[in-house]
Amino acid sequence: MDANVAVRALVRDRANLLGYIWAIVLDLHIAEDIFQDVTVLVIERAGKITCEGHLMQWARKAARFKALEVSRSKPYRMVCLDHKVLDALEADWRRVDERETTDEADFLKARLP
């Protein structure tokens, strides 16, 4: 997959991936940082990603590992979802990938502090 196409797809589905990351780290600022890190990884590894479906699965895995890495590097213990819970939710996240969520994302953004 071309890096430009991959980044456009990732940005288009930003709300889904950001929601996934936020569900792990429970901190919007950290989730944004992780999303940016994942975007850089997508640019670097775009040639190994075969299609948009593969992209989102790959990005979620990368985000999950990055979130766990960040939680381990903090001087305090971040509260994160257990990896077993994340595994159980993976199928649901795949279904979310297939939906148009911009209205839902706009609604939730309007209610953020």
Protein backbone atom coordinates (compact mmCIF):
# COMPACT_ATOMS: atom_id res chain seq x y z
CA MET A 1 0.00 0.00 0.00
CA ASP A 2 1.25 3.47 -0.85
CA ALA A 3 2.15 5.57 2.23
CA ASN A 4 -0.07 8.48 1.13
CA VAL A 5 -3.08 6.19 0.66
CA ALA A 6 -2.40 4.54 4.02
CA VAL A 7 -2.19 7.84 5.87
CA ARG A 8 -5.36 9.15 4.23
CA ALA A 9 -7.21 5.98 5.27
CA LEU A 10 -5.81 6.21 8.78
CA VAL A 11 -6.81 9.86 9.14
CA ARG A 12 -10.28 9.13 7.74
CA ASP A 13 -10.75 6.44 10.41
CA ARG A 14 -8.98 8.49 13.08
CA ALA A 15 -11.99 8.56 15.43
CA ASN A 16 -12.20 4.76 15.50
CA LEU A 17 -8.52 4.25 16.21
CA LEU A 18 -8.38 7.09 18.72
CA GLY A 19 -11.38 5.60 20.52
CA TYR A 20 -9.64 2.25 20.64
CA ILE A 21 -6.47 3.79 22.07
CA TRP A 22 -8.42 5.87 24.56
CA ALA A 23 -10.22 2.72 25.74
CA ILE A 24 -6.81 1.27 26.61
CA VAL A 25 -5.07 4.27 28.21
CA LEU A 26 -8.07 6.31 29.45
CA ASP A 27 -6.23 9.58 28.75
CA LEU A 28 -7.05 11.60 25.65
CA HIS A 29 -3.67 13.36 25.49
CA ILE A 30 -1.74 10.12 25.70
CA ALA A 31 -4.12 8.57 23.15
CA GLU A 32 -3.39 11.44 20.74
CA ASP A 33 0.36 10.94 21.19
CA ILE A 34 0.03 7.22 20.51
CA PHE A 35 -2.10 7.90 17.42
CA GLN A 36 0.68 10.15 16.11
CA ASP A 37 3.28 7.46 16.81
CA VAL A 38 1.16 4.88 14.99
CA THR A 39 0.80 7.26 12.03
CA VAL A 40 4.59 7.50 11.78
CA LEU A 41 4.84 3.70 11.91
CA VAL A 42 2.24 3.41 9.14
CA ILE A 43 4.29 5.75 6.95
CA GLU A 44 7.44 3.74 7.62
CA ARG A 45 5.83 0.34 7.00
CA ALA A 46 3.15 1.13 4.42
CA GLY A 47 4.75 -1.19 1.87
CA LYS A 48 4.04 -4.18 4.10
CA ILE A 49 0.35 -3.32 4.50
CA THR A 50 -1.81 -4.97 1.84
CA CYS A 51 -5.20 -3.18 2.04
CA GLU A 52 -7.33 -0.88 4.20
CA GLY A 53 -8.75 -3.75 6.25
CA HIS A 54 -5.24 -4.94 6.96
CA LEU A 55 -4.21 -1.36 7.75
CA MET A 56 -6.75 -0.94 10.54
CA GLN A 57 -5.97 -4.33 12.07
CA TRP A 58 -2.27 -3.54 11.91
CA ALA A 59 -2.77 -0.03 13.32
CA ARG A 60 -4.80 -1.37 16.25
CA LYS A 61 -2.10 -3.91 17.07
CA ALA A 62 0.60 -1.24 16.82
CA ALA A 63 -1.46 1.11 19.00
CA ARG A 64 -2.03 -1.61 21.56
CA PHE A 65 1.68 -2.40 21.84
CA LYS A 66 2.54 1.31 21.92
CA ALA A 67 -0.04 1.92 24.69
CA LEU A 68 1.40 -0.90 26.77
CA GLU A 69 4.92 0.43 26.16
CA VAL A 70 3.86 3.91 27.29
CA SER A 71 2.13 2.53 30.38
CA ARG A 72 5.30 0.70 31.40
CA SER A 73 7.50 3.76 30.89
CA LYS A 74 5.49 6.10 33.13
CA PRO A 75 6.77 6.69 36.66
CA TYR A 76 3.24 5.99 37.86
CA ARG A 77 1.07 3.04 36.95
CA MET A 78 -1.43 3.86 34.22
CA VAL A 79 -4.75 2.06 34.33
CA CYS A 80 -5.08 0.01 31.14
CA LEU A 81 -7.45 -2.65 29.98
CA ASP A 82 -6.12 -6.15 30.40
CA HIS A 83 -4.83 -7.84 27.23
CA LYS A 84 -7.50 -10.56 27.57
CA VAL A 85 -10.22 -7.91 27.46
CA LEU A 86 -8.59 -6.31 24.41
CA ASP A 87 -8.46 -9.70 22.69
CA ALA A 88 -12.15 -10.24 23.40
CA LEU A 89 -13.02 -6.80 22.00
CA GLU A 90 -11.03 -7.20 18.77
CA ALA A 91 -13.94 -8.70 16.80
CA ASP A 92 -16.19 -5.82 17.84
CA TRP A 93 -13.57 -3.28 16.78
CA ARG A 94 -13.45 -4.91 13.34
CA ARG A 95 -17.20 -4.35 13.00
CA VAL A 96 -16.74 -0.71 14.01
CA ASP A 97 -14.17 -0.36 11.21
CA GLU A 98 -16.90 -1.14 8.71
CA ARG A 99 -19.28 1.60 9.95
CA GLU A 100 -19.36 5.30 9.21
CA THR A 101 -18.80 6.95 12.58
CA THR A 102 -18.30 10.64 11.88
CA ASP A 103 -21.67 11.63 13.39
CA GLU A 104 -20.95 9.62 16.52
CA ALA A 105 -17.45 11.10 16.79
CA ASP A 106 -18.76 14.65 16.40
CA PHE A 107 -21.37 14.00 19.10
CA LEU A 108 -18.76 12.66 21.53
CA LYS A 109 -16.26 15.45 20.80
CA ALA A 110 -18.91 18.04 21.66
CA ARG A 111 -19.18 16.48 25.13
CA LEU A 112 -15.47 16.26 25.95
CA PRO A 113 -14.26 18.56 28.75
